[in-house]
Amino acid sequence: MTTLADPVPGGRPGDLRRVAALTAGLAARGVRGIVLAYVDTAGVGRVKTIPTARLEAAVSWGVGMSPVFDTFLADDSIVTTDVLGSPDGDLRLYPDLDQLVALAGQPGWAWAPVDRITQDGERHPGCTRTFLRRIVADAAERHGLAFKAAIEIEWAVGLGSAPAGEFAPAARGPAYGAIRQVELSDYTADLLAALAEQGVDVDQIHPEYAAGQFEVSVGALDPVAAADRSVLVRQTIRAVAQRHGLRVSFAPAVFAEGVGNGGHVHLSCWRDGVNLHAGGAGRYGMTAEAESFAAGVLARLPALTAVTAPSPASYLRLKPSQWAGVFTAWGRETREAALRMVTGTAGRRDQDANMEVKPVDLAANPYLALGCLIAAGLDGVTAGRPLPEEITGDPARFGGDEAAALGVRRLPTSLPQAVAEFRADEVLRTALGPVLADAVTAVRLGEAAAVEGLDDAQVAAAYRWTY
């Protein structure tokens, strides 16, 4: 469980007591440096690194980092808002010792996520990890709710020897095929070993649909830890691949055509240790609160898309009839619906039942995505929003009138459309606060402007190796 307390200048007393033992343990394992990791508004992982001996200083006083990265684009150009994007100011990165881990795929290094606070010791309003911690804490205080979350990770494995900028699949076997599993058997075995050494419980790993594509599913945690885990797992996938002469892409669309890489979110609501998605009187065992939570997410999906599908390349992936969930619809185990209700196997439903949010990819900042999904769901709980009629099959089959009657709406087909929906959504903007909401808008519009005039193949190429 991740602590929900804010860092403080001078360090929290409990953390300071732990530092000496942690530093000694890391040094004994040959760890020389620590990666301090966070994800920016564009969804790009950013880092600073410190020698292991500097961990106590980092826990006590943080490590400096400019706030300008809140408005970096994926190509490292910078946009501005009324308060962000200037060269002025400084923030402090504070590592979370609860998540500190030696990196099995990068010998000599450890890793920890950070919260960013101001030099005056206040929460930085643009810190997405702090935003998610606040949402989770408020849900517990105001609603008595806790959450479990997990993020699926799909990635394309390419040959490291391919020409610069190009993608050559490292495996040629069929989708979900035994051939592909054998072709990359050594790589995936080493990946499983590294994840296990880092304490990541893996549910499954398998070849996926697209060329050279694989997927790993990991165990559910509290939302902050789940977002941390998503970042850590991707760091590990990339590092192990490099040691095998491979190169990986988590981009939403490696190519303009075909199935892209998703980052589906699994999310469930809990109260006092009881899963509200099982054992209730609602559909498929959902309680009334679980239904309203799902209805809140479903109602805000068009605006949420600006957060969960934040790249121009995301809209190359969000196509009907490709299991990407591009319509505002839900159904039990319906993989074309944006919300798939997972009931789990009889005998395990009290633990496994959850909802899967499908229009999410790995260009999304996981802290932003989970925080906004929870905020949308809580709004549904507060309003007692009813969950509409279930959809079976492919929603693409509905004509205009029938779709409208069922409340089935196509999600935005471009990033500017998603931004327009986001700007009109007061619930999400209020949850984020003005600084972070404006950063989301500015960065998304900046990404859209950066690819203006490019065709789909050029858009895919522009983001192929960014994520």
Protein backbone atom coordinates (compact mmCIF):
# COMPACT_ATOMS: atom_id res chain seq x y z
CA MET A 1 0.00 0.00 0.00
CA THR A 2 1.36 3.39 -1.00
CA THR A 3 1.40 6.11 1.61
CA LEU A 4 -1.08 8.92 0.86
CA ALA A 5 0.84 11.48 2.92
CA ASP A 6 2.53 14.39 1.19
CA PRO A 7 6.32 14.70 1.34
CA VAL A 8 7.62 17.41 3.65
CA PRO A 9 10.89 19.36 3.63
CA GLY A 10 13.24 17.65 6.05
CA GLY A 11 11.63 14.29 5.34
CA ARG A 12 8.93 12.32 7.10
CA PRO A 13 10.40 10.80 10.30
CA GLY A 14 9.52 7.25 9.28
CA ASP A 15 11.24 7.64 5.93
CA LEU A 16 14.41 8.99 7.47
CA ARG A 17 14.61 5.99 9.80
CA ARG A 18 14.40 3.66 6.79
CA VAL A 19 16.97 5.34 4.59
CA ALA A 20 20.12 3.95 6.20
CA ALA A 21 18.93 0.36 5.97
CA LEU A 22 17.69 0.80 2.41
CA THR A 23 20.92 2.45 1.28
CA ALA A 24 23.01 -0.32 2.83
CA GLY A 25 20.85 -2.98 1.23
CA LEU A 26 21.10 -1.39 -2.20
CA ALA A 27 24.84 -0.94 -1.91
CA ALA A 28 25.23 -4.60 -0.94
CA ARG A 29 23.47 -5.52 -4.19
CA GLY A 30 25.83 -3.36 -6.22
CA VAL A 31 23.28 -0.62 -6.85
CA ARG A 32 25.17 2.57 -7.69
CA GLY A 33 22.38 4.89 -8.77
CA ILE A 34 18.66 5.51 -8.32
CA VAL A 35 16.25 6.50 -11.07
CA LEU A 36 13.73 9.10 -9.84
CA ALA A 37 10.78 8.70 -12.20
CA TYR A 38 7.62 10.58 -13.07
CA VAL A 39 5.37 10.97 -16.10
CA ASP A 40 4.68 14.32 -17.71
CA THR A 41 1.39 15.65 -19.03
CA ALA A 42 2.12 14.29 -22.52
CA GLY A 43 2.58 10.79 -21.09
CA VAL A 44 6.36 10.69 -21.52
CA GLY A 45 8.40 9.19 -18.71
CA ARG A 46 10.93 11.68 -17.35
CA VAL A 47 13.73 10.96 -14.89
CA LYS A 48 16.52 12.33 -12.82
CA THR A 49 19.12 10.01 -11.31
CA ILE A 50 21.18 10.21 -8.15
CA PRO A 51 24.00 8.16 -6.62
CA THR A 52 22.70 5.69 -4.07
CA ALA A 53 24.60 7.56 -1.36
CA ARG A 54 22.42 10.62 -2.03
CA LEU A 55 19.14 8.88 -1.14
CA GLU A 56 18.98 10.41 2.35
CA ALA A 57 19.41 13.91 0.93
CA ALA A 58 16.73 13.26 -1.69
CA VAL A 59 14.27 11.98 0.92
CA SER A 60 15.03 14.93 3.18
CA TRP A 61 15.16 17.82 0.73
CA GLY A 62 14.21 16.50 -2.68
CA VAL A 63 16.00 16.84 -5.99
CA GLY A 64 15.58 19.89 -8.19
CA MET A 65 13.58 19.77 -11.43
CA SER A 66 12.09 22.54 -13.55
CA PRO A 67 8.28 22.79 -13.72
CA VAL A 68 8.58 23.48 -17.45
CA PHE A 69 8.18 19.75 -18.15
CA ASP A 70 4.47 20.04 -17.31
CA THR A 71 4.02 21.58 -20.76
CA PHE A 72 6.56 19.58 -22.76
CA LEU A 73 5.20 17.87 -25.85
CA ALA A 74 6.21 14.37 -26.89
CA ASP A 75 8.81 15.84 -29.29
CA ASP A 76 10.31 17.90 -26.42
CA SER A 77 9.01 21.22 -27.71
CA ILE A 78 7.27 23.43 -25.15
CA VAL A 79 3.84 25.04 -24.99
CA THR A 80 2.65 27.46 -22.32
CA THR A 81 -0.31 28.27 -20.13
CA ASP A 82 -0.80 31.33 -17.97
CA VAL A 83 1.32 29.75 -15.20
CA LEU A 84 3.33 26.94 -16.82
CA GLY A 85 5.92 26.64 -19.54
CA SER A 86 8.33 29.41 -18.56
CA PRO A 87 12.02 28.89 -17.69
CA ASP A 88 11.39 30.23 -14.19
CA GLY A 89 11.07 28.34 -10.93
CA ASP A 90 12.05 25.00 -9.45
CA LEU A 91 10.37 21.97 -7.94
CA ARG A 92 11.65 19.25 -5.62
CA LEU A 93 11.36 15.55 -6.50
CA TYR A 94 10.73 13.38 -3.43
CA PRO A 95 11.14 9.59 -3.89
CA ASP A 96 8.49 7.27 -2.43
CA LEU A 97 10.41 4.70 -0.41
CA ASP A 98 7.41 2.35 -0.37
CA GLN A 99 7.98 1.74 -4.08
CA LEU A 100 11.81 1.82 -4.16
CA VAL A 101 13.12 -1.29 -5.93
CA ALA A 102 16.39 -2.55 -7.38
CA LEU A 103 16.04 -2.93 -11.14
CA ALA A 104 16.70 -6.52 -12.16
CA GLY A 105 16.79 -5.55 -15.82
CA GLN A 106 19.29 -2.74 -15.20
CA PRO A 107 22.00 -4.05 -12.86
CA GLY A 108 23.52 -1.26 -10.83
CA TRP A 109 20.32 0.78 -10.70
CA ALA A 110 17.28 1.13 -8.45
CA TRP A 111 14.02 2.92 -9.23
CA ALA A 112 11.49 5.01 -7.31
CA PRO A 113 8.51 7.15 -8.33
CA VAL A 114 8.44 10.71 -7.07
CA ASP A 115 6.01 13.35 -5.92
CA ARG A 116 6.82 16.91 -6.88
CA ILE A 117 6.37 19.70 -4.37
CA THR A 118 7.28 23.35 -4.44
CA GLN A 119 10.34 24.82 -2.79
CA ASP A 120 7.98 26.15 -0.11
CA GLY A 121 6.85 22.62 0.72
CA GLU A 122 3.43 22.86 -0.92
CA ARG A 123 1.79 20.43 -3.32
CA HIS A 124 2.69 21.23 -6.90
CA PRO A 125 -0.68 21.62 -8.69
CA GLY A 126 0.77 20.10 -11.86
CA CYS A 127 2.01 16.87 -10.23
CA THR A 128 -0.14 14.05 -11.56
CA ARG A 129 0.94 11.52 -8.93
CA THR A 130 -0.05 13.96 -6.20
CA PHE A 131 -3.35 14.51 -8.03
CA LEU A 132 -4.12 10.78 -7.97
CA ARG A 133 -3.15 10.48 -4.29
CA ARG A 134 -5.55 13.33 -3.51
CA ILE A 135 -8.41 11.74 -5.46
CA VAL A 136 -7.91 8.42 -3.67
CA ALA A 137 -7.72 10.07 -0.25
CA ASP A 138 -10.85 12.17 -0.91
CA ALA A 139 -12.78 9.09 -2.04
CA ALA A 140 -11.93 7.34 1.21
CA GLU A 141 -12.84 10.35 3.33
CA ARG A 142 -16.05 11.42 1.56
CA HIS A 143 -17.42 8.13 0.30
CA GLY A 144 -15.69 5.44 2.34
CA LEU A 145 -14.46 3.94 -0.93
CA ALA A 146 -11.18 2.33 -1.87
CA PHE A 147 -10.11 1.00 -5.25
CA LYS A 148 -8.08 -1.72 -6.88
CA ALA A 149 -6.61 -1.08 -10.29
CA ALA A 150 -4.39 -2.70 -12.89
CA ILE A 151 -3.21 -1.49 -16.30
CA GLU A 152 -2.67 -3.95 -19.13
CA ILE A 153 0.51 -3.35 -21.11
CA GLU A 154 0.76 -4.12 -24.81
CA TRP A 155 3.98 -3.51 -26.71
CA ALA A 156 5.55 -4.23 -30.06
CA VAL A 157 8.93 -5.96 -30.07
CA GLY A 158 11.24 -4.93 -32.90
CA LEU A 159 14.74 -5.78 -34.00
CA GLY A 160 17.36 -3.44 -32.60
CA SER A 161 19.21 -3.78 -35.89
CA ALA A 162 16.40 -2.19 -37.94
CA PRO A 163 17.23 1.09 -39.71
CA ALA A 164 16.79 4.19 -37.56
CA GLY A 165 13.15 5.12 -37.11
CA GLU A 166 11.82 1.94 -38.68
CA PHE A 167 10.09 -1.01 -37.04
CA ALA A 168 10.95 -4.58 -38.03
CA PRO A 169 9.02 -7.18 -35.99
CA ALA A 170 11.27 -9.41 -33.94
CA ALA A 171 8.74 -12.26 -34.16
CA ARG A 172 6.82 -13.39 -37.22
CA GLY A 173 4.48 -16.03 -35.82
CA PRO A 174 0.67 -15.77 -35.85
CA ALA A 175 -1.36 -13.73 -33.35
CA TYR A 176 -1.55 -15.49 -29.98
CA GLY A 177 0.51 -18.21 -31.61
CA ALA A 178 2.87 -20.76 -30.11
CA ILE A 179 5.40 -19.95 -32.82
CA ARG A 180 5.77 -16.37 -31.66
CA GLN A 181 6.10 -17.44 -28.03
CA VAL A 182 8.97 -19.74 -29.00
CA GLU A 183 10.63 -17.10 -31.18
CA LEU A 184 10.97 -14.73 -28.21
CA SER A 185 11.10 -17.36 -25.49
CA ASP A 186 14.45 -16.27 -24.02
CA TYR A 187 13.42 -12.63 -23.91
CA THR A 188 10.07 -13.23 -22.24
CA ALA A 189 11.56 -15.72 -19.76
CA ASP A 190 14.16 -13.15 -18.70
CA LEU A 191 11.41 -10.54 -18.47
CA LEU A 192 9.35 -12.76 -16.17
CA ALA A 193 12.42 -13.36 -14.00
CA ALA A 194 13.14 -9.63 -13.75
CA LEU A 195 9.55 -8.76 -12.87
CA ALA A 196 9.43 -11.48 -10.22
CA GLU A 197 12.70 -10.25 -8.68
CA GLN A 198 11.17 -6.76 -8.51
CA GLY A 199 8.06 -8.05 -6.71
CA VAL A 200 5.68 -7.64 -9.65
CA ASP A 201 3.08 -10.42 -9.72
CA VAL A 202 2.29 -11.33 -13.33
CA ASP A 203 -1.07 -12.86 -14.17
CA GLN A 204 -0.20 -13.70 -17.78
CA ILE A 205 2.10 -12.84 -20.65
CA HIS A 206 1.36 -13.80 -24.23
CA PRO A 207 1.71 -12.93 -27.91
CA GLU A 208 -0.94 -10.47 -29.03
CA TYR A 209 -2.63 -9.63 -32.33
CA ALA A 210 -0.38 -7.15 -34.15
CA ALA A 211 3.03 -7.80 -35.66
CA GLY A 212 5.62 -8.54 -32.96
CA GLN A 213 3.10 -7.59 -30.26
CA PHE A 214 2.96 -8.99 -26.72
CA GLU A 215 0.85 -8.26 -23.65
CA VAL A 216 1.48 -8.60 -19.94
CA SER A 217 -1.22 -8.45 -17.28
CA VAL A 218 -0.19 -7.74 -13.69
CA GLY A 219 -1.90 -7.97 -10.34
CA ALA A 220 -4.18 -5.21 -9.06
CA LEU A 221 -3.05 -2.72 -6.42
CA ASP A 222 -4.29 0.54 -4.96
CA PRO A 223 -4.49 3.13 -7.78
CA VAL A 224 -1.28 5.00 -6.97
CA ALA A 225 0.72 1.80 -6.68
CA ALA A 226 -0.95 0.49 -9.86
CA ALA A 227 0.17 3.58 -11.78
CA ASP A 228 3.67 3.25 -10.31
CA ARG A 229 3.72 -0.41 -11.34
CA SER A 230 2.74 0.46 -14.91
CA VAL A 231 5.72 2.80 -15.18
CA LEU A 232 8.08 0.28 -13.57
CA VAL A 233 6.94 -2.61 -15.76
CA ARG A 234 7.51 -0.59 -18.92
CA GLN A 235 10.97 0.42 -17.71
CA THR A 236 11.72 -3.28 -17.17
CA ILE A 237 10.29 -4.43 -20.52
CA ARG A 238 12.46 -1.89 -22.31
CA ALA A 239 15.62 -2.67 -20.35
CA VAL A 240 15.38 -6.45 -20.76
CA ALA A 241 14.66 -6.03 -24.48
CA GLN A 242 17.77 -3.94 -24.96
CA ARG A 243 19.89 -6.64 -23.34
CA HIS A 244 18.53 -9.02 -25.99
CA GLY A 245 19.27 -6.70 -28.90
CA LEU A 246 15.60 -5.78 -29.24
CA ARG A 247 13.72 -2.51 -29.29
CA VAL A 248 10.19 -2.02 -27.98
CA SER A 249 7.41 0.46 -28.65
CA PHE A 250 4.43 1.20 -26.44
CA ALA A 251 3.07 3.73 -28.96
CA PRO A 252 -0.69 3.58 -29.60
CA ALA A 253 -0.04 2.88 -33.28
CA VAL A 254 3.27 1.54 -34.51
CA PHE A 255 1.82 1.61 -38.02
CA ALA A 256 -1.06 3.66 -39.41
CA GLU A 257 -3.09 0.55 -40.22
CA GLY A 258 -3.98 -2.40 -38.06
CA VAL A 259 -4.37 -2.97 -34.36
CA GLY A 260 -2.42 -0.72 -32.01
CA ASN A 261 -1.07 -1.01 -28.46
CA GLY A 262 -3.66 -0.60 -25.74
CA GLY A 263 -3.35 0.11 -22.05
CA HIS A 264 -6.74 -1.09 -20.84
CA VAL A 265 -7.54 -0.13 -17.24
CA HIS A 266 -9.16 -2.57 -14.82
CA LEU A 267 -10.83 -0.82 -11.88
CA SER A 268 -13.02 -1.92 -8.99
CA CYS A 269 -14.60 -0.14 -6.01
CA TRP A 270 -14.33 -1.53 -2.49
CA ARG A 271 -15.74 -0.64 0.93
CA ASP A 272 -14.47 -2.20 4.15
CA GLY A 273 -12.77 -4.96 2.19
CA VAL A 274 -15.87 -5.86 0.16
CA ASN A 275 -15.89 -5.68 -3.64
CA LEU A 276 -18.89 -3.61 -4.73
CA HIS A 277 -18.85 -5.21 -8.18
CA ALA A 278 -19.92 -8.60 -6.79
CA GLY A 279 -22.63 -9.90 -4.51
CA GLY A 280 -25.00 -6.97 -5.05
CA ALA A 281 -28.59 -6.85 -6.26
CA GLY A 282 -27.74 -5.12 -9.55
CA ARG A 283 -26.87 -6.55 -12.92
CA TYR A 284 -24.24 -9.30 -12.77
CA GLY A 285 -23.94 -8.86 -9.04
CA MET A 286 -23.05 -5.19 -9.05
CA THR A 287 -24.22 -3.06 -6.13
CA ALA A 288 -26.12 0.16 -6.83
CA GLU A 289 -22.95 2.15 -6.14
CA ALA A 290 -20.90 0.05 -8.56
CA GLU A 291 -23.51 0.59 -11.26
CA SER A 292 -23.54 4.34 -10.64
CA PHE A 293 -19.73 4.43 -10.64
CA ALA A 294 -19.68 2.69 -14.02
CA ALA A 295 -22.41 5.02 -15.30
CA GLY A 296 -20.35 8.03 -14.25
CA VAL A 297 -17.35 6.79 -16.23
CA LEU A 298 -19.51 5.90 -19.24
CA ALA A 299 -21.15 9.33 -19.32
CA ARG A 300 -17.80 11.14 -19.33
CA LEU A 301 -15.91 8.90 -21.76
CA PRO A 302 -15.90 11.46 -24.61
CA ALA A 303 -14.15 13.99 -22.35
CA LEU A 304 -12.02 11.33 -20.66
CA THR A 305 -10.60 10.43 -24.07
CA ALA A 306 -8.46 13.57 -23.94
CA VAL A 307 -6.71 11.96 -20.97
CA THR A 308 -6.85 8.25 -21.82
CA ALA A 309 -6.03 8.65 -25.53
CA PRO A 310 -3.83 11.77 -25.48
CA SER A 311 -1.72 11.42 -28.62
CA PRO A 312 -2.58 12.07 -32.27
CA ALA A 313 -1.46 8.47 -32.78
CA SER A 314 -4.16 7.34 -30.33
CA TYR A 315 -6.80 8.03 -32.96
CA LEU A 316 -5.14 5.67 -35.41
CA ARG A 317 -5.86 2.94 -32.85
CA LEU A 318 -9.40 4.02 -31.88
CA LYS A 319 -11.24 2.38 -34.76
CA PRO A 320 -14.52 0.41 -34.72
CA SER A 321 -14.49 -3.38 -34.73
CA GLN A 322 -10.91 -3.65 -33.48
CA TRP A 323 -11.68 -4.23 -29.78
CA ALA A 324 -10.62 -0.70 -28.93
CA GLY A 325 -13.97 0.25 -27.37
CA VAL A 326 -14.83 3.34 -29.39
CA PHE A 327 -18.53 3.65 -28.48
CA THR A 328 -20.18 4.74 -25.22
CA ALA A 329 -21.54 1.30 -24.42
CA TRP A 330 -21.09 -1.37 -21.77
CA GLY A 331 -21.60 -5.09 -21.63
CA ARG A 332 -20.64 -8.21 -19.75
CA GLU A 333 -17.46 -9.59 -21.34
CA THR A 334 -18.19 -7.57 -24.50
CA ARG A 335 -14.81 -6.64 -25.89
CA GLU A 336 -16.13 -4.08 -28.36
CA ALA A 337 -17.81 -2.05 -25.60
CA ALA A 338 -15.90 0.82 -24.05
CA LEU A 339 -16.75 -0.60 -20.62
CA ARG A 340 -16.43 -4.36 -20.32
CA MET A 341 -17.89 -5.75 -17.12
CA VAL A 342 -15.67 -8.58 -15.96
CA THR A 343 -17.55 -10.84 -13.56
CA GLY A 344 -14.81 -13.40 -13.09
CA THR A 345 -15.14 -17.13 -12.58
CA ALA A 346 -17.66 -18.61 -10.17
CA GLY A 347 -15.97 -18.98 -6.81
CA ARG A 348 -13.69 -15.98 -7.38
CA ARG A 349 -16.15 -13.21 -8.19
CA ASP A 350 -15.90 -11.49 -4.82
CA GLN A 351 -12.22 -10.89 -5.60
CA ASP A 352 -12.07 -10.66 -9.39
CA ALA A 353 -15.14 -8.73 -10.55
CA ASN A 354 -14.19 -5.35 -12.02
CA MET A 355 -14.78 -3.07 -14.96
CA GLU A 356 -12.35 -2.77 -17.85
CA VAL A 357 -12.01 0.61 -19.57
CA LYS A 358 -10.88 -0.08 -23.13
CA PRO A 359 -10.28 3.29 -24.89
CA VAL A 360 -6.97 3.76 -23.05
CA ASP A 361 -3.48 3.49 -24.48
CA LEU A 362 0.03 3.77 -23.08
CA ALA A 363 0.57 7.32 -24.26
CA ALA A 364 -1.70 8.15 -21.33
CA ASN A 365 -0.13 9.35 -18.10
CA PRO A 366 -1.36 6.53 -15.79
CA TYR A 367 -1.79 8.87 -12.81
CA LEU A 368 -3.93 11.26 -14.85
CA ALA A 369 -5.94 8.44 -16.40
CA LEU A 370 -6.74 6.67 -13.12
CA GLY A 371 -7.44 9.92 -11.27
CA CYS A 372 -9.86 11.16 -13.92
CA LEU A 373 -11.61 7.79 -14.22
CA ILE A 374 -12.14 7.71 -10.47
CA ALA A 375 -13.36 11.33 -10.43
CA ALA A 376 -15.87 10.53 -13.19
CA GLY A 377 -17.06 7.43 -11.36
CA LEU A 378 -17.44 9.25 -8.06
CA ASP A 379 -19.55 11.89 -9.77
CA GLY A 380 -21.82 9.08 -10.91
CA VAL A 381 -22.03 7.74 -7.35
CA THR A 382 -22.84 11.18 -5.93
CA ALA A 383 -25.58 11.73 -8.51
CA GLY A 384 -26.92 8.17 -8.25
CA ARG A 385 -26.57 7.98 -12.03
CA PRO A 386 -28.35 4.96 -13.55
CA LEU A 387 -26.42 2.58 -15.77
CA PRO A 388 -28.12 2.41 -19.18
CA GLU A 389 -29.13 -0.70 -21.08
CA GLU A 390 -26.44 -3.27 -21.73
CA ILE A 391 -25.12 -3.76 -25.27
CA THR A 392 -24.15 -7.13 -26.73
CA GLY A 393 -22.11 -7.68 -29.88
CA ASP A 394 -20.46 -4.92 -31.89
CA PRO A 395 -22.02 -1.45 -31.36
CA ALA A 396 -20.85 -0.49 -34.86
CA ARG A 397 -23.85 -2.38 -36.22
CA PHE A 398 -26.36 0.17 -34.91
CA GLY A 399 -27.76 2.80 -37.23
CA GLY A 400 -27.98 6.43 -36.17
CA ASP A 401 -31.49 6.40 -34.70
CA GLU A 402 -31.05 3.08 -32.92
CA ALA A 403 -27.68 4.13 -31.51
CA ALA A 404 -29.14 7.41 -30.24
CA ALA A 405 -32.03 5.60 -28.57
CA LEU A 406 -29.57 3.30 -26.78
CA GLY A 407 -27.23 6.14 -25.81
CA VAL A 408 -24.47 4.66 -27.97
CA ARG A 409 -22.22 7.47 -29.14
CA ARG A 410 -19.00 7.35 -31.11
CA LEU A 411 -16.04 8.61 -29.09
CA PRO A 412 -13.99 11.49 -30.54
CA THR A 413 -12.20 10.60 -33.75
CA SER A 414 -9.43 13.18 -33.35
CA LEU A 415 -7.48 14.80 -30.56
CA PRO A 416 -9.02 18.27 -31.14
CA GLN A 417 -12.50 16.72 -30.79
CA ALA A 418 -11.46 15.10 -27.51
CA VAL A 419 -10.09 18.42 -26.24
CA ALA A 420 -13.39 20.15 -27.05
CA GLU A 421 -15.24 17.52 -24.99
CA PHE A 422 -12.73 17.88 -22.16
CA ARG A 423 -13.01 21.66 -22.10
CA ALA A 424 -16.77 21.38 -21.73
CA ASP A 425 -16.59 18.89 -18.84
CA GLU A 426 -16.70 20.79 -15.58
CA VAL A 427 -16.41 17.68 -13.41
CA LEU A 428 -13.06 16.62 -14.83
CA ARG A 429 -11.66 20.13 -14.96
CA THR A 430 -12.66 20.76 -11.34
CA ALA A 431 -11.13 17.47 -10.21
CA LEU A 432 -7.84 18.32 -11.90
CA GLY A 433 -7.77 21.93 -10.77
CA PRO A 434 -7.13 24.86 -13.10
CA VAL A 435 -3.35 24.48 -13.41
CA LEU A 436 -3.40 20.81 -14.38
CA ALA A 437 -6.56 21.10 -16.49
CA ASP A 438 -5.04 23.95 -18.49
CA ALA A 439 -1.82 21.96 -18.92
CA VAL A 440 -3.79 19.03 -20.35
CA THR A 441 -5.55 21.32 -22.81
CA ALA A 442 -2.39 23.14 -23.88
CA VAL A 443 -0.35 19.97 -24.35
CA ARG A 444 -3.08 18.19 -26.31
CA LEU A 445 -3.60 21.16 -28.63
CA GLY A 446 0.16 21.44 -29.02
CA GLU A 447 0.37 17.78 -30.06
CA ALA A 448 -2.42 18.28 -32.57
CA ALA A 449 -0.69 21.32 -34.05
CA ALA A 450 2.63 19.46 -34.26
CA VAL A 451 1.21 16.91 -36.71
CA GLU A 452 -1.00 19.23 -38.73
CA GLY A 453 -0.66 18.37 -42.40
CA LEU A 454 0.85 14.90 -41.80
CA ASP A 455 -0.83 11.81 -43.18
CA ASP A 456 -1.59 8.79 -40.99
CA ALA A 457 1.66 7.00 -41.79
CA GLN A 458 3.66 10.09 -40.88
CA VAL A 459 1.75 10.48 -37.62
CA ALA A 460 2.48 6.87 -36.68
CA ALA A 461 6.16 7.35 -37.52
CA ALA A 462 6.34 10.57 -35.48
CA TYR A 463 5.29 8.79 -32.27
CA ARG A 464 6.62 5.27 -32.95
CA TRP A 465 9.58 5.52 -30.58
CA THR A 466 8.29 8.18 -28.18
CA TYR A 467 6.45 5.85 -25.80
